[in-house]
Amino acid sequence: MDTLDRLLPAIVDPAAPLITYYGPGGERVELSGTTTANWVAKTSNLLIDELEVEPGTRIRLALPTHWQRFVWLLSVWNVGAVVVDHDASIAVTGPDLDADEPVRLATALRPLGGPFIDPPQGFADLAVEVPGQGDHFLALDPPAATWPALDTSDAVATHAELLASARPDSRRLLVEPGSIARDAALIVSACAGRGSLVIDATGEAGAGDGIAAQEDAVSRST
């Protein structure tokens, strides 16, 4: 495997949990490899068919550590675009609507990917745009190993470089919110190593211990 679009197809047990998200107010969302792949296919179709994304298109992911951030990381790589934190033509943001790029997409980060109650002006609501996209994606121009995958203040890497630097990890790993570059490495490691991620974004002190016990997960520092 030398390109990031092959991560999900290579998962040995796609029915097993890949991403489990704990958010404020008791929210819990679990995505298996199969469910993640479905979200990625829909998002990839949106990028290609609706936004006409081309290889090398720079997409800024202004999302917090959330299950949707991981879906978007995999989707951007799937279509040969680049995850960036600057100089982008497309922005994907949360409910703070922090974007001034030519193309602006937003998610309310509501449970189960629900839409904004009041549609944001100047932004496409991902909860409206993504679900109706096709469940299967066929890349007419699949990415190459030397194509850029990540360009942030923390890391710059091609597909091959990111795969080489992210050690496969078989653990069920508990993580707290972090940078986009860190999360990129985490999802690559989990997919490549038959592992999974449990995200503690509750904002509650000490919640991680209970979540780790319930999910049979280990802390990232372990």
N, C-alpha and C. Protein backbone atom coordinates (compact mmCIF):
# COMPACT_ATOMS: atom_id res chain seq x y z
N MET A 1 0.84 -1.19 0.00
CA MET A 1 0.00 0.00 0.00
C MET A 1 0.88 1.25 0.00
N ASP A 2 0.67 2.13 -0.99
CA ASP A 2 1.49 3.34 -1.02
C ASP A 2 0.65 4.61 -1.19
N THR A 3 -0.67 4.48 -1.19
CA THR A 3 -1.54 5.66 -1.24
C THR A 3 -2.65 5.54 -0.20
N LEU A 4 -3.08 6.68 0.29
CA LEU A 4 -4.00 6.71 1.43
C LEU A 4 -5.43 6.32 1.07
N ASP A 5 -5.76 6.32 -0.21
CA ASP A 5 -7.10 5.89 -0.61
C ASP A 5 -7.29 4.39 -0.43
N ARG A 6 -6.22 3.65 -0.18
CA ARG A 6 -6.29 2.20 0.00
C ARG A 6 -6.46 1.79 1.46
N LEU A 7 -6.47 2.75 2.37
CA LEU A 7 -6.56 2.42 3.80
C LEU A 7 -7.85 1.67 4.13
N LEU A 8 -8.99 2.23 3.76
CA LEU A 8 -10.26 1.60 4.13
C LEU A 8 -10.49 0.27 3.42
N PRO A 9 -10.22 0.15 2.11
CA PRO A 9 -10.40 -1.16 1.47
C PRO A 9 -9.52 -2.25 2.06
N ALA A 10 -8.42 -1.87 2.68
CA ALA A 10 -7.49 -2.86 3.23
C ALA A 10 -7.86 -3.33 4.63
N ILE A 11 -8.87 -2.72 5.25
CA ILE A 11 -9.25 -3.12 6.61
C ILE A 11 -9.75 -4.56 6.59
N VAL A 12 -9.19 -5.38 7.46
CA VAL A 12 -9.48 -6.82 7.47
C VAL A 12 -10.88 -7.10 7.98
N ASP A 13 -11.32 -6.42 9.03
CA ASP A 13 -12.64 -6.64 9.61
C ASP A 13 -13.43 -5.33 9.56
N PRO A 14 -14.07 -5.03 8.43
CA PRO A 14 -14.75 -3.74 8.29
C PRO A 14 -15.98 -3.59 9.18
N ALA A 15 -16.47 -4.69 9.74
CA ALA A 15 -17.63 -4.60 10.63
C ALA A 15 -17.24 -4.14 12.04
N ALA A 16 -15.96 -4.20 12.37
CA ALA A 16 -15.50 -3.81 13.69
C ALA A 16 -15.48 -2.29 13.82
N PRO A 17 -15.60 -1.76 15.05
CA PRO A 17 -15.54 -0.31 15.25
C PRO A 17 -14.20 0.25 14.76
N LEU A 18 -14.27 1.39 14.08
CA LEU A 18 -13.06 2.09 13.68
C LEU A 18 -12.94 3.42 14.42
N ILE A 19 -14.05 4.14 14.54
CA ILE A 19 -14.07 5.44 15.22
C ILE A 19 -15.25 5.47 16.18
N THR A 20 -14.97 5.72 17.45
CA THR A 20 -16.03 5.89 18.44
C THR A 20 -15.86 7.26 19.06
N TYR A 21 -16.91 8.06 18.99
CA TYR A 21 -16.83 9.46 19.41
C TYR A 21 -17.73 9.71 20.61
N TYR A 22 -17.14 10.29 21.66
CA TYR A 22 -17.90 10.75 22.83
C TYR A 22 -17.85 12.27 22.84
N GLY A 23 -19.05 12.88 22.77
CA GLY A 23 -19.12 14.32 22.76
C GLY A 23 -19.86 14.86 23.97
N PRO A 24 -20.09 16.16 24.00
CA PRO A 24 -20.79 16.78 25.14
C PRO A 24 -22.22 16.25 25.27
N GLY A 25 -22.70 16.25 26.49
CA GLY A 25 -24.09 15.87 26.73
C GLY A 25 -24.38 14.40 26.57
N GLY A 26 -23.37 13.55 26.65
CA GLY A 26 -23.60 12.11 26.57
C GLY A 26 -23.66 11.57 25.15
N GLU A 27 -23.34 12.38 24.17
CA GLU A 27 -23.37 11.90 22.78
C GLU A 27 -22.33 10.81 22.56
N ARG A 28 -22.74 9.74 21.89
CA ARG A 28 -21.83 8.66 21.51
C ARG A 28 -22.18 8.23 20.09
N VAL A 29 -21.19 8.26 19.21
CA VAL A 29 -21.36 7.83 17.83
C VAL A 29 -20.27 6.82 17.52
N GLU A 30 -20.67 5.70 16.96
CA GLU A 30 -19.68 4.67 16.61
C GLU A 30 -19.77 4.36 15.12
N LEU A 31 -18.63 4.40 14.45
CA LEU A 31 -18.55 4.09 13.03
C LEU A 31 -17.66 2.87 12.84
N SER A 32 -18.21 1.86 12.20
CA SER A 32 -17.40 0.72 11.81
C SER A 32 -16.58 1.09 10.57
N GLY A 33 -15.71 0.20 10.16
CA GLY A 33 -14.99 0.44 8.92
C GLY A 33 -15.95 0.58 7.74
N THR A 34 -16.99 -0.23 7.72
CA THR A 34 -17.98 -0.18 6.64
C THR A 34 -18.73 1.15 6.64
N THR A 35 -19.16 1.59 7.82
CA THR A 35 -19.90 2.85 7.92
C THR A 35 -19.00 4.03 7.55
N THR A 36 -17.76 3.99 8.01
CA THR A 36 -16.81 5.04 7.65
C THR A 36 -16.62 5.09 6.15
N ALA A 37 -16.47 3.94 5.52
CA ALA A 37 -16.27 3.88 4.07
C ALA A 37 -17.47 4.45 3.33
N ASN A 38 -18.68 4.23 3.85
CA ASN A 38 -19.88 4.78 3.22
C ASN A 38 -19.89 6.30 3.29
N TRP A 39 -19.55 6.84 4.48
CA TRP A 39 -19.46 8.29 4.61
C TRP A 39 -18.39 8.87 3.69
N VAL A 40 -17.26 8.17 3.58
CA VAL A 40 -16.17 8.64 2.73
C VAL A 40 -16.58 8.60 1.26
N ALA A 41 -17.29 7.57 0.85
CA ALA A 41 -17.76 7.48 -0.54
C ALA A 41 -18.70 8.63 -0.86
N LYS A 42 -19.65 8.89 0.03
CA LYS A 42 -20.60 9.99 -0.19
C LYS A 42 -19.87 11.34 -0.25
N THR A 43 -18.95 11.55 0.67
CA THR A 43 -18.22 12.81 0.72
C THR A 43 -17.33 12.96 -0.51
N SER A 44 -16.72 11.87 -0.95
CA SER A 44 -15.87 11.91 -2.15
C SER A 44 -16.70 12.26 -3.38
N ASN A 45 -17.89 11.71 -3.47
CA ASN A 45 -18.77 12.03 -4.60
C ASN A 45 -19.17 13.50 -4.58
N LEU A 46 -19.42 14.04 -3.39
CA LEU A 46 -19.71 15.47 -3.28
C LEU A 46 -18.54 16.30 -3.79
N LEU A 47 -17.34 15.94 -3.38
CA LEU A 47 -16.15 16.69 -3.77
C LEU A 47 -15.94 16.67 -5.28
N ILE A 48 -16.13 15.53 -5.90
CA ILE A 48 -15.86 15.39 -7.33
C ILE A 48 -17.04 15.91 -8.16
N ASP A 49 -18.24 15.45 -7.86
CA ASP A 49 -19.39 15.73 -8.72
C ASP A 49 -19.96 17.13 -8.52
N GLU A 50 -19.96 17.61 -7.29
CA GLU A 50 -20.58 18.90 -7.01
C GLU A 50 -19.55 20.04 -6.96
N LEU A 51 -18.40 19.78 -6.39
CA LEU A 51 -17.40 20.83 -6.20
C LEU A 51 -16.29 20.80 -7.23
N GLU A 52 -16.28 19.76 -8.07
CA GLU A 52 -15.30 19.63 -9.15
C GLU A 52 -13.86 19.71 -8.65
N VAL A 53 -13.62 19.04 -7.53
CA VAL A 53 -12.27 18.98 -6.98
C VAL A 53 -11.35 18.20 -7.92
N GLU A 54 -10.15 18.70 -8.06
CA GLU A 54 -9.14 18.06 -8.91
C GLU A 54 -7.95 17.62 -8.06
N PRO A 55 -7.08 16.77 -8.60
CA PRO A 55 -5.88 16.40 -7.85
C PRO A 55 -5.10 17.64 -7.43
N GLY A 56 -4.72 17.68 -6.16
CA GLY A 56 -3.95 18.80 -5.64
C GLY A 56 -4.78 19.94 -5.10
N THR A 57 -6.10 19.88 -5.22
CA THR A 57 -6.94 20.92 -4.64
C THR A 57 -6.68 21.01 -3.14
N ARG A 58 -6.53 22.22 -2.64
CA ARG A 58 -6.18 22.43 -1.24
C ARG A 58 -7.46 22.67 -0.43
N ILE A 59 -7.67 21.82 0.56
CA ILE A 59 -8.89 21.87 1.37
C ILE A 59 -8.51 22.05 2.83
N ARG A 60 -9.00 23.12 3.42
CA ARG A 60 -8.70 23.40 4.83
C ARG A 60 -9.79 22.79 5.71
N LEU A 61 -9.39 21.90 6.60
CA LEU A 61 -10.32 21.25 7.51
C LEU A 61 -10.30 21.97 8.86
N ALA A 62 -11.20 22.92 9.02
CA ALA A 62 -11.28 23.69 10.26
C ALA A 62 -12.29 23.05 11.21
N LEU A 63 -12.15 21.75 11.37
CA LEU A 63 -13.03 20.98 12.25
C LEU A 63 -12.25 20.55 13.49
N PRO A 64 -12.92 20.43 14.63
CA PRO A 64 -12.24 19.90 15.81
C PRO A 64 -12.05 18.39 15.68
N THR A 65 -11.38 17.79 16.64
CA THR A 65 -11.25 16.33 16.65
C THR A 65 -12.64 15.74 16.90
N HIS A 66 -13.20 15.15 15.88
CA HIS A 66 -14.59 14.71 15.84
C HIS A 66 -14.66 13.62 14.80
N TRP A 67 -15.67 12.76 14.87
CA TRP A 67 -15.73 11.70 13.87
C TRP A 67 -15.80 12.27 12.46
N GLN A 68 -16.40 13.46 12.29
CA GLN A 68 -16.48 14.03 10.95
C GLN A 68 -15.10 14.51 10.45
N ARG A 69 -14.23 14.91 11.36
CA ARG A 69 -12.88 15.29 10.92
C ARG A 69 -12.18 14.09 10.29
N PHE A 70 -12.31 12.92 10.89
CA PHE A 70 -11.64 11.74 10.36
C PHE A 70 -12.25 11.32 9.02
N VAL A 71 -13.57 11.42 8.90
CA VAL A 71 -14.22 11.14 7.62
C VAL A 71 -13.68 12.07 6.54
N TRP A 72 -13.52 13.34 6.88
CA TRP A 72 -13.04 14.30 5.89
C TRP A 72 -11.57 14.09 5.54
N LEU A 73 -10.75 13.74 6.49
CA LEU A 73 -9.36 13.42 6.18
C LEU A 73 -9.30 12.31 5.12
N LEU A 74 -10.01 11.23 5.36
CA LEU A 74 -10.00 10.10 4.44
C LEU A 74 -10.61 10.47 3.09
N SER A 75 -11.61 11.33 3.10
CA SER A 75 -12.28 11.72 1.85
C SER A 75 -11.38 12.60 1.00
N VAL A 76 -10.71 13.55 1.62
CA VAL A 76 -9.81 14.43 0.87
C VAL A 76 -8.71 13.61 0.20
N TRP A 77 -8.12 12.69 0.94
CA TRP A 77 -7.08 11.83 0.35
C TRP A 77 -7.66 10.93 -0.73
N ASN A 78 -8.88 10.50 -0.55
CA ASN A 78 -9.52 9.58 -1.49
C ASN A 78 -9.64 10.17 -2.88
N VAL A 79 -9.80 11.50 -2.96
CA VAL A 79 -9.97 12.15 -4.26
C VAL A 79 -8.69 12.82 -4.75
N GLY A 80 -7.59 12.62 -4.02
CA GLY A 80 -6.31 13.16 -4.45
C GLY A 80 -6.10 14.62 -4.11
N ALA A 81 -6.94 15.16 -3.22
CA ALA A 81 -6.77 16.53 -2.76
C ALA A 81 -5.81 16.57 -1.58
N VAL A 82 -5.56 17.77 -1.05
CA VAL A 82 -4.56 17.95 0.00
C VAL A 82 -5.22 18.59 1.23
N VAL A 83 -4.97 18.03 2.40
CA VAL A 83 -5.43 18.61 3.66
C VAL A 83 -4.45 19.70 4.08
N VAL A 84 -4.96 20.92 4.26
CA VAL A 84 -4.08 22.05 4.58
C VAL A 84 -4.67 22.87 5.71
N ASP A 85 -3.86 23.79 6.24
CA ASP A 85 -4.37 24.74 7.22
C ASP A 85 -4.15 26.19 6.76
N HIS A 86 -3.81 26.35 5.46
CA HIS A 86 -3.60 27.69 4.92
C HIS A 86 -3.70 27.63 3.39
N ASP A 87 -3.92 28.80 2.78
CA ASP A 87 -3.92 28.92 1.31
C ASP A 87 -4.80 27.87 0.64
N ALA A 88 -6.06 27.81 1.06
CA ALA A 88 -6.98 26.81 0.53
C ALA A 88 -8.02 27.46 -0.38
N SER A 89 -8.61 26.65 -1.25
CA SER A 89 -9.72 27.11 -2.08
C SER A 89 -11.05 26.64 -1.54
N ILE A 90 -11.02 25.63 -0.67
CA ILE A 90 -12.23 25.09 -0.05
C ILE A 90 -11.99 24.99 1.45
N ALA A 91 -12.99 25.37 2.23
CA ALA A 91 -12.90 25.24 3.69
C ALA A 91 -14.07 24.40 4.19
N VAL A 92 -13.76 23.57 5.18
CA VAL A 92 -14.78 22.79 5.87
C VAL A 92 -14.72 23.18 7.34
N THR A 93 -15.78 23.75 7.85
CA THR A 93 -15.75 24.31 9.19
C THR A 93 -16.90 23.77 10.04
N GLY A 94 -16.79 23.97 11.34
CA GLY A 94 -17.84 23.60 12.25
C GLY A 94 -18.84 24.73 12.43
N PRO A 95 -19.60 24.71 13.52
CA PRO A 95 -20.64 25.72 13.72
C PRO A 95 -20.12 27.12 13.97
N ASP A 96 -18.80 27.27 14.19
CA ASP A 96 -18.25 28.61 14.35
C ASP A 96 -18.15 29.35 13.01
N LEU A 97 -18.31 28.61 11.90
CA LEU A 97 -18.31 29.21 10.55
C LEU A 97 -17.05 30.04 10.30
N ASP A 98 -15.92 29.49 10.71
CA ASP A 98 -14.64 30.19 10.59
C ASP A 98 -14.03 29.91 9.23
N ALA A 99 -14.44 30.68 8.21
CA ALA A 99 -13.91 30.45 6.87
C ALA A 99 -14.18 31.66 5.99
N ASP A 100 -13.22 31.95 5.10
CA ASP A 100 -13.42 32.99 4.10
C ASP A 100 -12.93 32.53 2.73
N GLU A 101 -12.73 31.23 2.57
CA GLU A 101 -12.30 30.68 1.29
C GLU A 101 -13.41 30.82 0.24
N PRO A 102 -13.07 30.71 -1.04
CA PRO A 102 -14.09 30.83 -2.09
C PRO A 102 -15.25 29.84 -1.96
N VAL A 103 -14.94 28.62 -1.53
CA VAL A 103 -15.98 27.60 -1.32
C VAL A 103 -16.00 27.25 0.16
N ARG A 104 -17.17 27.37 0.77
CA ARG A 104 -17.29 27.18 2.22
C ARG A 104 -18.36 26.13 2.54
N LEU A 105 -17.94 25.11 3.27
CA LEU A 105 -18.83 24.05 3.72
C LEU A 105 -18.84 24.06 5.24
N ALA A 106 -19.98 23.71 5.83
CA ALA A 106 -20.06 23.74 7.29
C ALA A 106 -20.90 22.59 7.80
N THR A 107 -20.55 22.13 8.99
CA THR A 107 -21.33 21.13 9.70
C THR A 107 -21.67 21.66 11.08
N ALA A 108 -22.90 21.40 11.52
CA ALA A 108 -23.34 21.86 12.83
C ALA A 108 -22.75 21.03 13.95
N LEU A 109 -22.14 19.87 13.61
CA LEU A 109 -21.60 18.94 14.61
C LEU A 109 -22.67 18.49 15.59
N ARG A 110 -23.89 18.41 15.10
CA ARG A 110 -24.98 17.90 15.94
C ARG A 110 -24.94 16.38 15.95
N PRO A 111 -25.57 15.74 16.93
CA PRO A 111 -25.58 14.28 16.98
C PRO A 111 -26.05 13.65 15.68
N LEU A 112 -25.35 12.60 15.27
CA LEU A 112 -25.65 11.85 14.05
C LEU A 112 -25.57 12.71 12.80
N GLY A 113 -24.80 13.79 12.87
CA GLY A 113 -24.60 14.61 11.68
C GLY A 113 -25.80 15.44 11.29
N GLY A 114 -26.63 15.82 12.25
CA GLY A 114 -27.83 16.59 11.97
C GLY A 114 -27.54 17.97 11.39
N PRO A 115 -28.51 18.56 10.67
CA PRO A 115 -28.30 19.85 10.00
C PRO A 115 -28.36 21.03 10.95
N PHE A 116 -27.95 22.18 10.45
CA PHE A 116 -28.13 23.43 11.18
C PHE A 116 -29.62 23.70 11.35
N ILE A 117 -30.01 24.21 12.49
CA ILE A 117 -31.40 24.61 12.68
C ILE A 117 -31.71 25.83 11.82
N ASP A 118 -30.78 26.77 11.77
CA ASP A 118 -30.88 27.93 10.89
C ASP A 118 -29.76 27.82 9.86
N PRO A 119 -30.10 27.59 8.58
CA PRO A 119 -29.05 27.43 7.56
C PRO A 119 -28.09 28.62 7.53
N PRO A 120 -26.78 28.36 7.57
CA PRO A 120 -25.81 29.47 7.58
C PRO A 120 -25.67 30.12 6.21
N GLN A 121 -25.69 31.42 6.18
CA GLN A 121 -25.54 32.14 4.92
C GLN A 121 -24.11 32.04 4.40
N GLY A 122 -23.99 31.74 3.12
CA GLY A 122 -22.67 31.67 2.50
C GLY A 122 -21.97 30.34 2.69
N PHE A 123 -22.63 29.38 3.32
CA PHE A 123 -22.05 28.06 3.56
C PHE A 123 -23.01 26.98 3.09
N ALA A 124 -22.48 25.91 2.52
CA ALA A 124 -23.28 24.72 2.23
C ALA A 124 -23.32 23.85 3.49
N ASP A 125 -24.52 23.43 3.87
CA ASP A 125 -24.70 22.60 5.06
C ASP A 125 -24.40 21.14 4.68
N LEU A 126 -23.36 20.58 5.26
CA LEU A 126 -22.95 19.23 4.89
C LEU A 126 -24.01 18.19 5.23
N ALA A 127 -24.81 18.45 6.25
CA ALA A 127 -25.86 17.49 6.61
C ALA A 127 -26.95 17.44 5.54
N VAL A 128 -27.01 18.46 4.72
CA VAL A 128 -27.96 18.49 3.60
C VAL A 128 -27.31 17.96 2.32
N GLU A 129 -26.04 18.29 2.13
CA GLU A 129 -25.36 17.99 0.87
C GLU A 129 -24.83 16.57 0.77
N VAL A 130 -24.37 16.00 1.89
CA VAL A 130 -23.68 14.70 1.82
C VAL A 130 -24.61 13.49 1.74
N PRO A 131 -25.67 13.40 2.56
CA PRO A 131 -26.45 12.14 2.59
C PRO A 131 -27.01 11.69 1.25
N GLY A 132 -27.36 12.60 0.36
CA GLY A 132 -27.94 12.22 -0.92
C GLY A 132 -26.94 11.79 -1.96
N GLN A 133 -25.66 11.85 -1.65
CA GLN A 133 -24.64 11.43 -2.61
C GLN A 133 -24.60 9.90 -2.71
N GLY A 134 -23.98 9.42 -3.77
CA GLY A 134 -23.92 7.98 -4.00
C GLY A 134 -23.14 7.23 -2.94
N ASP A 135 -23.52 5.98 -2.74
CA ASP A 135 -22.88 5.14 -1.71
C ASP A 135 -21.59 4.50 -2.18
N HIS A 136 -21.29 4.62 -3.45
CA HIS A 136 -20.06 4.03 -4.00
C HIS A 136 -19.30 5.11 -4.76
N PHE A 137 -18.00 5.05 -4.66
CA PHE A 137 -17.15 6.04 -5.33
C PHE A 137 -16.11 5.33 -6.17
N LEU A 138 -15.99 5.74 -7.42
CA LEU A 138 -14.98 5.19 -8.33
C LEU A 138 -14.11 6.34 -8.79
N ALA A 139 -12.85 6.30 -8.41
CA ALA A 139 -11.92 7.37 -8.77
C ALA A 139 -11.46 7.21 -10.21
N LEU A 140 -11.71 8.22 -11.03
CA LEU A 140 -11.23 8.20 -12.40
C LEU A 140 -9.76 8.59 -12.48
N ASP A 141 -9.29 9.30 -11.46
CA ASP A 141 -7.89 9.72 -11.40
C ASP A 141 -7.37 9.47 -9.99
N PRO A 142 -7.12 8.20 -9.64
CA PRO A 142 -6.72 7.87 -8.27
C PRO A 142 -5.37 8.50 -7.91
N PRO A 143 -5.17 8.78 -6.64
CA PRO A 143 -3.92 9.44 -6.22
C PRO A 143 -2.70 8.55 -6.42
N ALA A 144 -1.56 9.21 -6.54
CA ALA A 144 -0.28 8.51 -6.65
C ALA A 144 0.51 8.70 -5.36
N ALA A 145 1.48 7.85 -5.15
CA ALA A 145 2.25 7.86 -3.91
C ALA A 145 2.97 9.18 -3.67
N THR A 146 3.35 9.85 -4.74
CA THR A 146 4.13 11.08 -4.61
C THR A 146 3.26 12.34 -4.51
N TRP A 147 1.95 12.18 -4.59
CA TRP A 147 1.07 13.34 -4.50
C TRP A 147 1.04 13.87 -3.07
N PRO A 148 0.94 15.19 -2.89
CA PRO A 148 0.86 15.74 -1.53
C PRO A 148 -0.44 15.32 -0.84
N ALA A 149 -0.35 15.01 0.43
CA ALA A 149 -1.51 14.62 1.21
C ALA A 149 -1.78 15.59 2.35
N LEU A 150 -0.73 16.20 2.89
CA LEU A 150 -0.84 17.03 4.08
C LEU A 150 0.12 18.21 3.97
N ASP A 151 -0.41 19.41 4.25
CA ASP A 151 0.43 20.61 4.24
C ASP A 151 -0.07 21.53 5.34
N THR A 152 0.48 21.34 6.54
CA THR A 152 0.09 22.15 7.69
C THR A 152 1.33 22.69 8.38
N SER A 153 1.11 23.53 9.38
CA SER A 153 2.24 24.08 10.13
C SER A 153 2.98 22.99 10.91
N ASP A 154 2.31 21.86 11.16
CA ASP A 154 2.92 20.77 11.93
C ASP A 154 3.57 19.70 11.06
N ALA A 155 3.08 19.54 9.83
CA ALA A 155 3.57 18.44 9.01
C ALA A 155 3.29 18.70 7.54
N VAL A 156 4.23 18.27 6.70
CA VAL A 156 4.07 18.28 5.25
C VAL A 156 4.46 16.89 4.76
N ALA A 157 3.55 16.24 4.02
CA ALA A 157 3.83 14.86 3.63
C ALA A 157 3.06 14.47 2.38
N THR A 158 3.68 13.60 1.59
CA THR A 158 2.99 12.96 0.48
C THR A 158 2.23 11.74 1.02
N HIS A 159 1.48 11.09 0.12
CA HIS A 159 0.79 9.86 0.52
C HIS A 159 1.79 8.84 1.06
N ALA A 160 2.83 8.60 0.32
CA ALA A 160 3.82 7.59 0.73
C ALA A 160 4.52 7.97 2.02
N GLU A 161 4.84 9.24 2.17
CA GLU A 161 5.54 9.69 3.37
C GLU A 161 4.66 9.56 4.61
N LEU A 162 3.38 9.88 4.48
CA LEU A 162 2.49 9.76 5.63
C LEU A 162 2.29 8.31 6.03
N LEU A 163 2.16 7.45 5.05
CA LEU A 163 2.05 6.01 5.34
C LEU A 163 3.31 5.48 6.00
N ALA A 164 4.46 5.95 5.55
CA ALA A 164 5.73 5.45 6.10
C ALA A 164 5.98 5.96 7.51
N SER A 165 5.49 7.16 7.82
CA SER A 165 5.78 7.76 9.13
C SER A 165 4.78 7.34 10.21
N ALA A 166 3.61 6.88 9.81
CA ALA A 166 2.58 6.50 10.78
C ALA A 166 2.69 5.00 11.06
N ARG A 167 3.16 4.66 12.24
CA ARG A 167 3.37 3.25 12.58
C ARG A 167 2.02 2.55 12.76
N PRO A 168 1.81 1.40 12.11
CA PRO A 168 0.55 0.66 12.31
C PRO A 168 0.30 0.38 13.79
N ASP A 169 -0.92 0.61 14.24
CA ASP A 169 -1.25 0.48 15.66
C ASP A 169 -2.50 -0.37 15.80
N SER A 170 -2.38 -1.51 16.46
CA SER A 170 -3.50 -2.44 16.62
C SER A 170 -4.35 -2.15 17.85
N ARG A 171 -3.98 -1.15 18.62
CA ARG A 171 -4.70 -0.88 19.86
C ARG A 171 -6.03 -0.18 19.61
N ARG A 172 -6.93 -0.31 20.59
CA ARG A 172 -8.13 0.54 20.64
C ARG A 172 -7.72 1.73 21.49
N LEU A 173 -7.50 2.86 20.84
CA LEU A 173 -6.77 3.97 21.43
C LEU A 173 -7.70 5.10 21.85
N LEU A 174 -7.60 5.51 23.10
CA LEU A 174 -8.36 6.65 23.61
C LEU A 174 -7.57 7.92 23.37
N VAL A 175 -8.18 8.90 22.71
CA VAL A 175 -7.50 10.16 22.42
C VAL A 175 -8.40 11.33 22.78
N GLU A 176 -7.75 12.44 23.12
CA GLU A 176 -8.45 13.69 23.36
C GLU A 176 -8.24 14.60 22.15
N PRO A 177 -8.93 15.72 22.06
CA PRO A 177 -8.77 16.61 20.91
C PRO A 177 -7.32 17.02 20.69
N GLY A 178 -6.93 17.10 19.42
CA GLY A 178 -5.56 17.47 19.05
C GLY A 178 -5.52 18.12 17.69
N SER A 179 -4.32 18.25 17.14
CA SER A 179 -4.14 18.95 15.87
C SER A 179 -4.58 18.08 14.70
N ILE A 180 -4.77 18.72 13.56
CA ILE A 180 -5.16 18.00 12.35
C ILE A 180 -4.04 17.05 11.91
N ALA A 181 -2.78 17.47 12.07
CA ALA A 181 -1.67 16.60 11.69
C ALA A 181 -1.60 15.37 12.58
N ARG A 182 -1.84 15.56 13.88
CA ARG A 182 -1.85 14.41 14.78
C ARG A 182 -2.97 13.45 14.41
N ASP A 183 -4.15 13.99 14.14
CA ASP A 183 -5.29 13.13 13.82
C ASP A 183 -5.09 12.41 12.49
N ALA A 184 -4.41 13.06 11.56
CA ALA A 184 -4.08 12.40 10.29
C ALA A 184 -3.22 11.16 10.56
N ALA A 185 -2.21 11.31 11.40
CA ALA A 185 -1.34 10.18 11.72
C ALA A 185 -2.10 9.09 12.47
N LEU A 186 -3.01 9.49 13.36
CA LEU A 186 -3.75 8.51 14.14
C LEU A 186 -4.65 7.64 13.27
N ILE A 187 -5.37 8.24 12.33
CA ILE A 187 -6.29 7.44 11.52
C ILE A 187 -5.52 6.54 10.56
N VAL A 188 -4.39 7.01 10.07
CA VAL A 188 -3.56 6.16 9.22
C VAL A 188 -3.04 4.96 10.01
N SER A 189 -2.56 5.21 11.22
CA SER A 189 -2.04 4.13 12.06
C SER A 189 -3.11 3.12 12.41
N ALA A 190 -4.31 3.61 12.75
CA ALA A 190 -5.40 2.71 13.13
C ALA A 190 -5.84 1.84 11.95
N CYS A 191 -6.01 2.45 10.78
CA CYS A 191 -6.43 1.68 9.61
C CYS A 191 -5.37 0.67 9.19
N ALA A 192 -4.12 1.09 9.21
CA ALA A 192 -3.04 0.22 8.77
C ALA A 192 -2.75 -0.91 9.76
N GLY A 193 -3.06 -0.68 11.04
CA GLY A 193 -2.71 -1.65 12.05
C GLY A 193 -3.86 -2.45 12.62
N ARG A 194 -5.05 -2.34 12.01
CA ARG A 194 -6.25 -3.04 12.50
C ARG A 194 -6.64 -2.54 13.88
N GLY A 195 -6.38 -1.27 14.14
CA GLY A 195 -6.75 -0.68 15.41
C GLY A 195 -8.02 0.14 15.29
N SER A 196 -8.30 0.96 16.31
CA SER A 196 -9.47 1.83 16.29
C SER A 196 -9.23 3.00 17.24
N LEU A 197 -10.04 4.03 17.07
CA LEU A 197 -9.90 5.24 17.87
C LEU A 197 -11.16 5.49 18.69
N VAL A 198 -10.96 5.87 19.94
CA VAL A 198 -12.05 6.30 20.82
C VAL A 198 -11.75 7.75 21.19
N ILE A 199 -12.63 8.65 20.82
CA ILE A 199 -12.38 10.09 21.00
C ILE A 199 -13.15 10.60 22.20
N ASP A 200 -12.41 11.13 23.15
CA ASP A 200 -13.03 11.77 24.31
C ASP A 200 -13.06 13.28 24.08
N ALA A 201 -14.20 13.76 23.57
CA ALA A 201 -14.39 15.20 23.36
C ALA A 201 -15.49 15.72 24.27
N THR A 202 -15.65 15.07 25.42
CA THR A 202 -16.71 15.46 26.35
C THR A 202 -16.41 16.79 27.01
N GLY A 203 -15.13 17.11 27.17
CA GLY A 203 -14.75 18.32 27.89
C GLY A 203 -14.89 18.17 29.39
N GLU A 204 -15.11 16.95 29.86
CA GLU A 204 -15.31 16.70 31.29
C GLU A 204 -14.03 16.11 31.89
N ALA A 205 -13.53 16.73 32.94
CA ALA A 205 -12.33 16.23 33.60
C ALA A 205 -12.58 14.84 34.16
N GLY A 206 -11.68 13.92 33.87
CA GLY A 206 -11.78 12.56 34.38
C GLY A 206 -12.69 11.65 33.59
N ALA A 207 -13.36 12.16 32.57
CA ALA A 207 -14.29 11.32 31.80
C ALA A 207 -13.54 10.21 31.06
N GLY A 208 -12.30 10.47 30.70
CA GLY A 208 -11.55 9.52 29.92
C GLY A 208 -11.38 8.17 30.60
N ASP A 209 -11.24 8.16 31.92
CA ASP A 209 -11.06 6.88 32.63
C ASP A 209 -12.28 6.00 32.46
N GLY A 210 -13.46 6.58 32.62
CA GLY A 210 -14.69 5.81 32.48
C GLY A 210 -14.90 5.35 31.04
N ILE A 211 -14.59 6.21 30.10
CA ILE A 211 -14.74 5.84 28.69
C ILE A 211 -13.78 4.72 28.33
N ALA A 212 -12.54 4.82 28.80
CA ALA A 212 -11.55 3.78 28.52
C ALA A 212 -12.00 2.43 29.05
N ALA A 213 -12.55 2.43 30.27
CA ALA A 213 -13.01 1.18 30.87
C ALA A 213 -14.19 0.61 30.09
N GLN A 214 -15.12 1.47 29.70
CA GLN A 214 -16.30 1.01 28.98
C GLN A 214 -15.96 0.49 27.59
N GLU A 215 -14.98 1.11 26.95
CA GLU A 215 -14.64 0.76 25.57
C GLU A 215 -13.46 -0.20 25.47
N ASP A 216 -12.91 -0.58 26.62
CA ASP A 216 -11.72 -1.43 26.63
C ASP A 216 -10.61 -0.81 25.79
N ALA A 217 -10.39 0.48 26.05
CA ALA A 217 -9.41 1.24 25.30
C ALA A 217 -8.22 1.61 26.18
N VAL A 218 -7.11 1.93 25.55
CA VAL A 218 -5.93 2.36 26.29
C VAL A 218 -5.62 3.81 25.93
N SER A 219 -5.05 4.52 26.88
CA SER A 219 -4.68 5.90 26.65
C SER A 219 -3.57 5.98 25.61
N ARG A 220 -3.56 7.06 24.85
CA ARG A 220 -2.53 7.26 23.83
C ARG A 220 -1.15 7.28 24.45
N SER A 221 -1.04 7.66 25.70
CA SER A 221 0.28 7.73 26.36
C SER A 221 0.77 6.38 26.81
N THR A 222 -0.11 5.36 26.71
CA THR A 222 0.28 4.03 27.17
C THR A 222 1.14 3.31 26.15
